[in-house]
Structure formats: structure tokens, C-alpha cells
Amino acid sequence: MEVLIGLAAIAIVITVGVPSIISLSHDYYLKKTTSNLLSSLTLAQTEAVRQGGISRLCPSSDGKSCRSDGDWNRGWIVFVDLNANTIPEPVEVVGVYDPPKGQIHITASGGFTSEAQFSLDGFLIEDDQPVTGKFRVCYGDDLPGYQEILTDDRGRHKARKSEQPCSET
């Protein structure tokens, strides 16, 4: 009888505790990926102003070259394009970011679709014109809760959280 009571208590703890732990894990990976994106945007922006040239943030699966497909889910790099050839030379790379962990999925739009460029005055630009951009960080399409990073045409970043599933927006 005591063993059955002990097993029932363990089953209750597992039933209540496991979903909470999973939820904490989802939340952690969302926040960590959003934080990495924000810090890489800030680094790119700061380096553009500091070095007086264009800096770029681009998707990268090897930490050395930019991907042309706009897939941010394999990692990304920040580099200052000192020679204006749009190719990250080893001496130009100032930050390398690993792919997100867990089932995190990043989508990008606007000035972030295939890469992000910052002008020497810190503006997000495309074809030398100020633009806006948005990253959306999701943990699965059907799970509630995602985070967005919005950058306005002046280069100001704002993060916000939604409780809606990514698939509903």
C-alpha cells in the first residue's frame, strides 16, 4: 500500500512538473535567441558608427560566409564591410552567432529578409535608403508565444512578446 501511495505521489509530481519544465525550456530558448539577435543588431549598428562604414548582419551556417537564402536558423555573423565587397573577410568579422537551440524558428522580413545593413550613422538601410525590419522568433508554429524584434528606419530596436501562436499571425 505504501509503495502504491509513493508511486501515485511521484506520478502527480511528474504530471504537474514536466509541463512546467518544458514551458520554462521553451521560454528560455525564445529569450536566448531574441537576446542574441538584439545583441548582434546592436553590435552591427555600433561597429558601423564606430568604424564609419557599412556593417552587415547576415545568415551564416559556417561562421565565415553569408548565406544568400535568408535562412537565419543556421546562425549568423556580424561584419564591418571595410572594402565594400559584401563578403565577410576574416579581419572584418566582429561577431559569430550559433544556430538557435531547441525547436526555435526565426523568420525575417523587411530590411532583415536576406541580411541587415547599417549605415555609418546607425540606420538600417537597403539600397542606401533607411528601411524597417522585423525578426520573429518562434518555438514551433502551433505553440503559444513568440517574440519579435522590430527595427525602425532610424535603427531603433524594440522587442515585444506575443502569446499568440506563430501560425495565427
N, C-alpha and C. Protein backbone atom coordinates (compact mmCIF):
# COMPACT_ATOMS: atom_id res chain seq x y z
N MET A 1 0.81 -1.20 0.00
CA MET A 1 0.00 0.00 0.00
C MET A 1 0.86 1.27 0.00
N GLU A 2 1.90 1.27 0.84
CA GLU A 2 2.78 2.43 0.91
C GLU A 2 3.49 2.67 -0.42
N VAL A 3 3.86 1.59 -1.09
CA VAL A 3 4.52 1.71 -2.39
C VAL A 3 3.57 2.35 -3.41
N LEU A 4 2.30 1.92 -3.40
CA LEU A 4 1.32 2.49 -4.32
C LEU A 4 1.10 3.98 -4.05
N ILE A 5 1.05 4.35 -2.79
CA ILE A 5 0.89 5.77 -2.44
C ILE A 5 2.11 6.56 -2.92
N GLY A 6 3.29 5.98 -2.72
CA GLY A 6 4.52 6.64 -3.18
C GLY A 6 4.54 6.79 -4.69
N LEU A 7 4.13 5.74 -5.41
CA LEU A 7 4.08 5.82 -6.87
C LEU A 7 3.05 6.83 -7.34
N ALA A 8 1.92 6.89 -6.66
CA ALA A 8 0.90 7.88 -7.02
C ALA A 8 1.42 9.29 -6.80
N ALA A 9 2.15 9.51 -5.71
CA ALA A 9 2.72 10.83 -5.44
C ALA A 9 3.74 11.20 -6.52
N ILE A 10 4.57 10.26 -6.91
CA ILE A 10 5.56 10.51 -7.96
C ILE A 10 4.85 10.82 -9.28
N ALA A 11 3.80 10.08 -9.59
CA ALA A 11 3.05 10.32 -10.83
C ALA A 11 2.45 11.72 -10.83
N ILE A 12 1.95 12.16 -9.70
CA ILE A 12 1.36 13.51 -9.62
C ILE A 12 2.44 14.57 -9.82
N VAL A 13 3.58 14.38 -9.17
CA VAL A 13 4.67 15.35 -9.32
C VAL A 13 5.13 15.40 -10.78
N ILE A 14 5.25 14.27 -11.42
CA ILE A 14 5.67 14.23 -12.83
C ILE A 14 4.61 14.89 -13.71
N THR A 15 3.35 14.59 -13.48
CA THR A 15 2.27 15.14 -14.28
C THR A 15 2.22 16.66 -14.17
N VAL A 16 2.47 17.18 -12.99
CA VAL A 16 2.43 18.63 -12.79
C VAL A 16 3.75 19.27 -13.19
N GLY A 17 4.87 18.64 -12.86
CA GLY A 17 6.18 19.25 -13.05
C GLY A 17 6.71 19.25 -14.47
N VAL A 18 6.51 18.18 -15.22
CA VAL A 18 7.09 18.08 -16.56
C VAL A 18 6.57 19.17 -17.49
N PRO A 19 5.26 19.42 -17.57
CA PRO A 19 4.82 20.52 -18.44
C PRO A 19 5.41 21.87 -18.05
N SER A 20 5.59 22.11 -16.76
CA SER A 20 6.19 23.37 -16.32
C SER A 20 7.64 23.47 -16.76
N ILE A 21 8.37 22.38 -16.65
CA ILE A 21 9.78 22.37 -17.07
C ILE A 21 9.87 22.58 -18.57
N ILE A 22 9.00 21.94 -19.33
CA ILE A 22 9.00 22.10 -20.79
C ILE A 22 8.68 23.54 -21.15
N SER A 23 7.71 24.12 -20.48
CA SER A 23 7.35 25.51 -20.74
C SER A 23 8.51 26.45 -20.42
N LEU A 24 9.21 26.20 -19.32
CA LEU A 24 10.37 27.00 -18.97
C LEU A 24 11.47 26.87 -20.02
N SER A 25 11.65 25.67 -20.53
CA SER A 25 12.66 25.44 -21.56
C SER A 25 12.31 26.20 -22.84
N HIS A 26 11.04 26.17 -23.26
CA HIS A 26 10.61 26.92 -24.45
C HIS A 26 10.89 28.40 -24.26
N ASP A 27 10.48 28.91 -23.11
CA ASP A 27 10.64 30.32 -22.81
C ASP A 27 12.12 30.72 -22.79
N TYR A 28 12.95 29.86 -22.21
CA TYR A 28 14.39 30.14 -22.16
C TYR A 28 14.97 30.26 -23.56
N TYR A 29 14.67 29.31 -24.44
CA TYR A 29 15.22 29.34 -25.80
C TYR A 29 14.70 30.54 -26.60
N LEU A 30 13.44 30.90 -26.41
CA LEU A 30 12.91 32.10 -27.07
C LEU A 30 13.67 33.34 -26.63
N LYS A 31 13.84 33.49 -25.33
CA LYS A 31 14.51 34.67 -24.79
C LYS A 31 15.98 34.70 -25.19
N LYS A 32 16.64 33.55 -25.15
CA LYS A 32 18.06 33.50 -25.50
C LYS A 32 18.27 33.87 -26.97
N THR A 33 17.45 33.33 -27.87
CA THR A 33 17.60 33.64 -29.29
C THR A 33 17.29 35.10 -29.56
N THR A 34 16.22 35.61 -28.95
CA THR A 34 15.87 37.03 -29.12
C THR A 34 17.00 37.91 -28.60
N SER A 35 17.56 37.57 -27.46
CA SER A 35 18.66 38.33 -26.89
C SER A 35 19.88 38.30 -27.81
N ASN A 36 20.19 37.14 -28.38
CA ASN A 36 21.32 37.04 -29.31
C ASN A 36 21.10 37.90 -30.55
N LEU A 37 19.88 37.89 -31.08
CA LEU A 37 19.59 38.72 -32.24
C LEU A 37 19.72 40.20 -31.89
N LEU A 38 19.17 40.60 -30.76
CA LEU A 38 19.26 42.01 -30.34
C LEU A 38 20.72 42.44 -30.14
N SER A 39 21.50 41.59 -29.50
CA SER A 39 22.90 41.98 -29.28
C SER A 39 23.68 42.01 -30.59
N SER A 40 23.35 41.14 -31.53
CA SER A 40 24.06 41.18 -32.82
C SER A 40 23.65 42.41 -33.62
N LEU A 41 22.38 42.81 -33.54
CA LEU A 41 21.94 44.05 -34.20
C LEU A 41 22.65 45.26 -33.60
N THR A 42 22.74 45.29 -32.29
CA THR A 42 23.41 46.40 -31.61
C THR A 42 24.90 46.42 -31.95
N LEU A 43 25.52 45.25 -32.01
CA LEU A 43 26.93 45.18 -32.38
C LEU A 43 27.15 45.70 -33.80
N ALA A 44 26.31 45.26 -34.73
CA ALA A 44 26.44 45.72 -36.13
C ALA A 44 26.26 47.23 -36.21
N GLN A 45 25.28 47.73 -35.53
CA GLN A 45 24.99 49.17 -35.55
C GLN A 45 26.14 49.96 -34.92
N THR A 46 26.63 49.52 -33.79
CA THR A 46 27.72 50.20 -33.10
C THR A 46 28.99 50.20 -33.93
N GLU A 47 29.30 49.06 -34.54
CA GLU A 47 30.52 48.98 -35.35
C GLU A 47 30.43 49.86 -36.60
N ALA A 48 29.25 50.00 -37.17
CA ALA A 48 29.09 50.89 -38.33
C ALA A 48 29.41 52.32 -37.94
N VAL A 49 28.90 52.75 -36.82
CA VAL A 49 29.15 54.11 -36.35
C VAL A 49 30.62 54.26 -35.93
N ARG A 50 31.12 53.30 -35.18
CA ARG A 50 32.49 53.39 -34.66
C ARG A 50 33.53 53.39 -35.78
N GLN A 51 33.33 52.54 -36.78
CA GLN A 51 34.33 52.44 -37.85
C GLN A 51 33.99 53.30 -39.06
N GLY A 52 32.85 53.97 -39.04
CA GLY A 52 32.50 54.89 -40.10
C GLY A 52 32.27 54.22 -41.46
N GLY A 53 31.60 53.09 -41.44
CA GLY A 53 31.32 52.38 -42.69
C GLY A 53 30.11 51.48 -42.55
N ILE A 54 29.80 50.79 -43.61
CA ILE A 54 28.66 49.86 -43.60
C ILE A 54 29.02 48.61 -42.81
N SER A 55 28.13 48.20 -41.93
CA SER A 55 28.28 46.91 -41.27
C SER A 55 27.09 46.05 -41.67
N ARG A 56 27.32 44.77 -41.63
CA ARG A 56 26.30 43.82 -42.08
C ARG A 56 26.10 42.70 -41.07
N LEU A 57 24.88 42.26 -41.01
CA LEU A 57 24.49 41.09 -40.23
C LEU A 57 23.87 40.16 -41.25
N CYS A 58 24.41 38.95 -41.39
CA CYS A 58 23.88 38.05 -42.41
C CYS A 58 23.77 36.64 -41.87
N PRO A 59 22.82 35.85 -42.42
CA PRO A 59 22.73 34.45 -42.02
C PRO A 59 23.98 33.70 -42.48
N SER A 60 24.44 32.78 -41.64
CA SER A 60 25.65 32.02 -41.97
C SER A 60 25.59 30.66 -41.29
N SER A 61 25.93 29.63 -42.02
CA SER A 61 25.95 28.30 -41.42
C SER A 61 27.35 27.87 -41.02
N ASP A 62 28.38 28.61 -41.46
CA ASP A 62 29.75 28.23 -41.13
C ASP A 62 30.51 29.29 -40.34
N GLY A 63 29.89 30.43 -40.07
CA GLY A 63 30.55 31.49 -39.32
C GLY A 63 31.61 32.25 -40.11
N LYS A 64 31.67 31.98 -41.42
CA LYS A 64 32.70 32.61 -42.25
C LYS A 64 32.13 33.30 -43.48
N SER A 65 31.01 32.80 -43.98
CA SER A 65 30.42 33.35 -45.20
C SER A 65 28.92 33.55 -45.01
N CYS A 66 28.36 34.44 -45.84
CA CYS A 66 26.92 34.72 -45.77
C CYS A 66 26.14 33.74 -46.63
N ARG A 67 24.99 33.35 -46.14
CA ARG A 67 24.05 32.55 -46.94
C ARG A 67 23.21 33.51 -47.75
N SER A 68 22.85 33.13 -48.94
CA SER A 68 22.04 34.01 -49.79
C SER A 68 20.55 33.68 -49.71
N ASP A 69 20.18 32.64 -48.96
CA ASP A 69 18.78 32.21 -48.92
C ASP A 69 17.96 32.83 -47.79
N GLY A 70 18.58 33.67 -46.96
CA GLY A 70 17.84 34.31 -45.88
C GLY A 70 17.46 33.39 -44.74
N ASP A 71 18.12 32.24 -44.61
CA ASP A 71 17.81 31.28 -43.55
C ASP A 71 18.63 31.62 -42.31
N TRP A 72 18.00 32.28 -41.35
CA TRP A 72 18.65 32.71 -40.11
C TRP A 72 18.73 31.59 -39.08
N ASN A 73 18.15 30.45 -39.38
CA ASN A 73 18.05 29.35 -38.42
C ASN A 73 19.33 28.53 -38.29
N ARG A 74 20.34 28.87 -39.05
CA ARG A 74 21.61 28.13 -39.01
C ARG A 74 22.74 28.97 -38.43
N GLY A 75 22.37 30.12 -37.86
CA GLY A 75 23.36 31.01 -37.28
C GLY A 75 23.52 32.26 -38.12
N TRP A 76 24.34 33.20 -37.64
CA TRP A 76 24.57 34.44 -38.36
C TRP A 76 25.89 35.06 -37.92
N ILE A 77 26.36 36.01 -38.72
CA ILE A 77 27.60 36.71 -38.42
C ILE A 77 27.39 38.21 -38.57
N VAL A 78 28.24 38.96 -37.87
CA VAL A 78 28.29 40.42 -37.98
C VAL A 78 29.67 40.76 -38.52
N PHE A 79 29.70 41.60 -39.55
CA PHE A 79 30.99 42.05 -40.06
C PHE A 79 30.90 43.49 -40.54
N VAL A 80 32.03 44.17 -40.47
CA VAL A 80 32.14 45.54 -40.98
C VAL A 80 32.74 45.42 -42.36
N ASP A 81 32.00 45.86 -43.36
CA ASP A 81 32.40 45.70 -44.75
C ASP A 81 33.40 46.79 -45.15
N LEU A 82 34.62 46.67 -44.65
CA LEU A 82 35.64 47.70 -44.84
C LEU A 82 35.99 47.94 -46.31
N ASN A 83 35.99 46.87 -47.10
CA ASN A 83 36.35 47.02 -48.52
C ASN A 83 35.13 47.07 -49.44
N ALA A 84 33.94 47.14 -48.87
CA ALA A 84 32.68 47.30 -49.62
C ALA A 84 32.45 46.24 -50.69
N ASN A 85 32.87 44.99 -50.40
CA ASN A 85 32.64 43.92 -51.38
C ASN A 85 31.51 42.98 -50.97
N THR A 86 30.84 43.25 -49.88
CA THR A 86 29.72 42.48 -49.31
C THR A 86 30.11 41.05 -48.90
N ILE A 87 31.40 40.75 -48.89
CA ILE A 87 31.88 39.42 -48.49
C ILE A 87 32.63 39.57 -47.17
N PRO A 88 32.28 38.76 -46.16
CA PRO A 88 32.97 38.89 -44.87
C PRO A 88 34.39 38.32 -44.94
N GLU A 89 35.37 39.21 -44.90
CA GLU A 89 36.77 38.79 -44.82
C GLU A 89 37.05 38.47 -43.35
N PRO A 90 37.98 37.56 -43.05
CA PRO A 90 38.24 37.21 -41.65
C PRO A 90 38.53 38.42 -40.75
N VAL A 91 39.24 39.40 -41.26
CA VAL A 91 39.58 40.57 -40.46
C VAL A 91 38.36 41.48 -40.20
N GLU A 92 37.31 41.33 -40.99
CA GLU A 92 36.12 42.17 -40.86
C GLU A 92 35.07 41.60 -39.90
N VAL A 93 35.13 40.31 -39.63
CA VAL A 93 34.12 39.65 -38.79
C VAL A 93 34.30 40.06 -37.34
N VAL A 94 33.23 40.59 -36.74
CA VAL A 94 33.27 41.03 -35.35
C VAL A 94 32.37 40.20 -34.43
N GLY A 95 31.54 39.34 -35.00
CA GLY A 95 30.67 38.50 -34.18
C GLY A 95 30.17 37.30 -34.95
N VAL A 96 30.20 36.14 -34.30
CA VAL A 96 29.68 34.90 -34.89
C VAL A 96 28.67 34.33 -33.90
N TYR A 97 27.48 34.01 -34.39
CA TYR A 97 26.39 33.52 -33.54
C TYR A 97 25.96 32.14 -34.00
N ASP A 98 25.87 31.22 -33.05
CA ASP A 98 25.48 29.84 -33.35
C ASP A 98 23.99 29.75 -33.65
N PRO A 99 23.57 28.65 -34.29
CA PRO A 99 22.14 28.46 -34.55
C PRO A 99 21.36 28.38 -33.25
N PRO A 100 20.09 28.75 -33.30
CA PRO A 100 19.27 28.63 -32.09
C PRO A 100 19.12 27.17 -31.68
N LYS A 101 18.99 26.94 -30.40
CA LYS A 101 18.80 25.58 -29.86
C LYS A 101 17.31 25.26 -29.76
N GLY A 102 17.03 24.02 -29.53
CA GLY A 102 15.65 23.60 -29.40
C GLY A 102 14.94 23.66 -30.74
N GLN A 103 13.67 23.87 -30.71
CA GLN A 103 12.86 23.93 -31.94
C GLN A 103 12.57 25.38 -32.32
N ILE A 104 13.51 26.25 -32.09
CA ILE A 104 13.35 27.67 -32.40
C ILE A 104 13.41 27.87 -33.90
N HIS A 105 12.53 28.74 -34.38
CA HIS A 105 12.49 29.08 -35.80
C HIS A 105 12.46 30.60 -35.92
N ILE A 106 13.35 31.14 -36.75
CA ILE A 106 13.44 32.58 -36.96
C ILE A 106 12.96 32.91 -38.36
N THR A 107 12.06 33.89 -38.46
CA THR A 107 11.68 34.42 -39.77
C THR A 107 12.03 35.90 -39.78
N ALA A 108 12.34 36.38 -40.97
CA ALA A 108 12.76 37.78 -41.10
C ALA A 108 11.98 38.44 -42.23
N SER A 109 11.74 39.73 -42.08
CA SER A 109 11.07 40.49 -43.13
C SER A 109 11.63 41.90 -43.18
N GLY A 110 11.25 42.63 -44.21
CA GLY A 110 11.73 44.00 -44.38
C GLY A 110 13.22 44.02 -44.60
N GLY A 111 13.91 44.91 -43.91
CA GLY A 111 15.35 45.06 -44.05
C GLY A 111 16.17 43.90 -43.53
N PHE A 112 15.52 42.89 -42.95
CA PHE A 112 16.22 41.71 -42.43
C PHE A 112 16.01 40.46 -43.30
N THR A 113 15.28 40.58 -44.40
CA THR A 113 14.92 39.40 -45.18
C THR A 113 16.13 38.55 -45.54
N SER A 114 17.15 39.13 -46.16
CA SER A 114 18.32 38.34 -46.53
C SER A 114 19.57 38.75 -45.77
N GLU A 115 19.62 39.96 -45.26
CA GLU A 115 20.70 40.46 -44.42
C GLU A 115 20.25 41.79 -43.82
N ALA A 116 21.03 42.29 -42.89
CA ALA A 116 20.77 43.62 -42.33
C ALA A 116 22.01 44.46 -42.58
N GLN A 117 21.81 45.67 -43.08
CA GLN A 117 22.91 46.60 -43.30
C GLN A 117 22.68 47.84 -42.46
N PHE A 118 23.75 48.30 -41.80
CA PHE A 118 23.66 49.54 -41.04
C PHE A 118 24.64 50.55 -41.62
N SER A 119 24.14 51.76 -41.78
CA SER A 119 24.95 52.84 -42.34
C SER A 119 25.85 53.42 -41.25
N LEU A 120 26.75 54.29 -41.64
CA LEU A 120 27.69 54.88 -40.69
C LEU A 120 27.01 55.75 -39.65
N ASP A 121 25.75 56.13 -39.87
CA ASP A 121 25.01 56.86 -38.85
C ASP A 121 24.08 55.95 -38.04
N GLY A 122 24.20 54.63 -38.24
CA GLY A 122 23.46 53.66 -37.44
C GLY A 122 22.07 53.32 -37.94
N PHE A 123 21.69 53.79 -39.13
CA PHE A 123 20.37 53.49 -39.68
C PHE A 123 20.38 52.12 -40.36
N LEU A 124 19.26 51.41 -40.26
CA LEU A 124 19.07 50.19 -41.03
C LEU A 124 18.77 50.63 -42.45
N ILE A 125 19.54 50.13 -43.42
CA ILE A 125 19.38 50.60 -44.80
C ILE A 125 19.26 49.43 -45.78
N GLU A 126 18.69 49.76 -46.91
CA GLU A 126 18.62 48.85 -48.06
C GLU A 126 18.72 49.74 -49.29
N ASP A 127 19.64 49.45 -50.19
CA ASP A 127 19.89 50.31 -51.35
C ASP A 127 20.12 51.76 -50.92
N ASP A 128 20.88 51.93 -49.87
CA ASP A 128 21.26 53.25 -49.32
C ASP A 128 20.09 54.08 -48.79
N GLN A 129 18.93 53.45 -48.60
CA GLN A 129 17.76 54.15 -48.06
C GLN A 129 17.36 53.53 -46.71
N PRO A 130 16.97 54.35 -45.75
CA PRO A 130 16.51 53.81 -44.46
C PRO A 130 15.27 52.93 -44.65
N VAL A 131 15.25 51.79 -43.97
CA VAL A 131 14.13 50.85 -44.03
C VAL A 131 13.82 50.34 -42.62
N THR A 132 12.76 49.58 -42.51
CA THR A 132 12.41 48.91 -41.26
C THR A 132 12.65 47.41 -41.44
N GLY A 133 12.71 46.70 -40.33
CA GLY A 133 12.91 45.25 -40.40
C GLY A 133 12.26 44.57 -39.21
N LYS A 134 11.98 43.28 -39.38
CA LYS A 134 11.36 42.53 -38.29
C LYS A 134 11.89 41.10 -38.27
N PHE A 135 12.28 40.65 -37.08
CA PHE A 135 12.58 39.24 -36.82
C PHE A 135 11.45 38.70 -35.96
N ARG A 136 11.02 37.50 -36.26
CA ARG A 136 10.06 36.80 -35.41
C ARG A 136 10.72 35.50 -34.96
N VAL A 137 10.72 35.28 -33.66
CA VAL A 137 11.34 34.10 -33.07
C VAL A 137 10.24 33.24 -32.47
N CYS A 138 10.09 32.03 -32.99
CA CYS A 138 9.01 31.13 -32.56
C CYS A 138 9.57 29.83 -32.02
N TYR A 139 8.83 29.22 -31.13
CA TYR A 139 9.11 27.85 -30.69
C TYR A 139 8.00 26.99 -31.24
N GLY A 140 8.15 26.52 -32.46
CA GLY A 140 7.10 25.75 -33.13
C GLY A 140 5.98 26.67 -33.59
N ASP A 141 5.34 26.34 -34.66
CA ASP A 141 4.30 27.20 -35.23
C ASP A 141 3.00 27.19 -34.44
N ASP A 142 2.70 26.09 -33.76
CA ASP A 142 1.41 25.97 -33.10
C ASP A 142 1.44 26.23 -31.60
N LEU A 143 2.64 26.39 -31.05
CA LEU A 143 2.73 26.66 -29.62
C LEU A 143 2.51 28.15 -29.35
N PRO A 144 1.82 28.48 -28.28
CA PRO A 144 1.59 29.89 -27.98
C PRO A 144 2.88 30.58 -27.55
N GLY A 145 2.99 31.83 -27.93
CA GLY A 145 4.12 32.65 -27.50
C GLY A 145 5.22 32.74 -28.54
N TYR A 146 5.51 33.94 -28.94
CA TYR A 146 6.67 34.20 -29.79
C TYR A 146 7.19 35.58 -29.43
N GLN A 147 8.38 35.88 -29.91
CA GLN A 147 8.97 37.19 -29.68
C GLN A 147 9.30 37.82 -31.02
N GLU A 148 9.18 39.13 -31.07
CA GLU A 148 9.53 39.87 -32.28
C GLU A 148 10.54 40.95 -31.93
N ILE A 149 11.40 41.23 -32.90
CA ILE A 149 12.29 42.37 -32.81
C ILE A 149 11.93 43.26 -33.99
N LEU A 150 11.56 44.48 -33.69
CA LEU A 150 11.21 45.45 -34.72
C LEU A 150 12.28 46.54 -34.73
N THR A 151 12.76 46.87 -35.92
CA THR A 151 13.72 47.96 -36.06
C THR A 151 13.12 49.00 -36.99
N ASP A 152 13.08 50.24 -36.52
CA ASP A 152 12.51 51.29 -37.36
C ASP A 152 13.57 51.85 -38.32
N ASP A 153 13.16 52.78 -39.16
CA ASP A 153 14.06 53.29 -40.19
C ASP A 153 15.16 54.19 -39.61
N ARG A 154 15.15 54.44 -38.32
CA ARG A 154 16.20 55.19 -37.65
C ARG A 154 17.16 54.25 -36.92
N GLY A 155 16.90 52.95 -37.00
CA GLY A 155 17.78 51.98 -36.35
C GLY A 155 17.45 51.68 -34.91
N ARG A 156 16.29 52.10 -34.44
CA ARG A 156 15.89 51.81 -33.06
C ARG A 156 15.24 50.44 -33.00
N HIS A 157 15.68 49.63 -32.04
CA HIS A 157 15.19 48.26 -31.89
C HIS A 157 14.19 48.18 -30.74
N LYS A 158 13.17 47.38 -30.95
CA LYS A 158 12.17 47.16 -29.90
C LYS A 158 11.79 45.69 -29.93
N ALA A 159 11.84 45.06 -28.78
CA ALA A 159 11.43 43.65 -28.67
C ALA A 159 10.06 43.61 -28.02
N ARG A 160 9.24 42.71 -28.50
CA ARG A 160 7.92 42.53 -27.88
C ARG A 160 7.55 41.06 -27.91
N LYS A 161 6.70 40.69 -26.98
CA LYS A 161 6.28 39.31 -26.83
C LYS A 161 4.80 39.20 -27.14
N SER A 162 4.43 38.10 -27.77
CA SER A 162 3.02 37.82 -28.02
C SER A 162 2.70 36.44 -27.47
N GLU A 163 1.49 36.27 -27.02
CA GLU A 163 1.05 34.98 -26.53
C GLU A 163 0.35 34.16 -27.61
N GLN A 164 0.21 34.73 -28.82
CA GLN A 164 -0.43 34.02 -29.93
C GLN A 164 0.55 33.01 -30.52
N PRO A 165 0.05 31.93 -31.11
CA PRO A 165 0.93 31.02 -31.85
C PRO A 165 1.43 31.72 -33.12
N CYS A 166 2.61 31.36 -33.55
CA CYS A 166 3.19 31.97 -34.76
C CYS A 166 2.30 31.72 -35.98
N SER A 167 1.64 30.60 -36.03
CA SER A 167 0.83 30.26 -37.20
C SER A 167 -0.41 31.14 -37.34
N GLU A 168 -0.81 31.85 -36.27
CA GLU A 168 -2.03 32.66 -36.32
C GLU A 168 -1.79 34.08 -36.77
N THR A 169 -0.55 34.46 -37.01
CA THR A 169 -0.30 35.85 -37.38
C THR A 169 0.37 35.96 -38.71
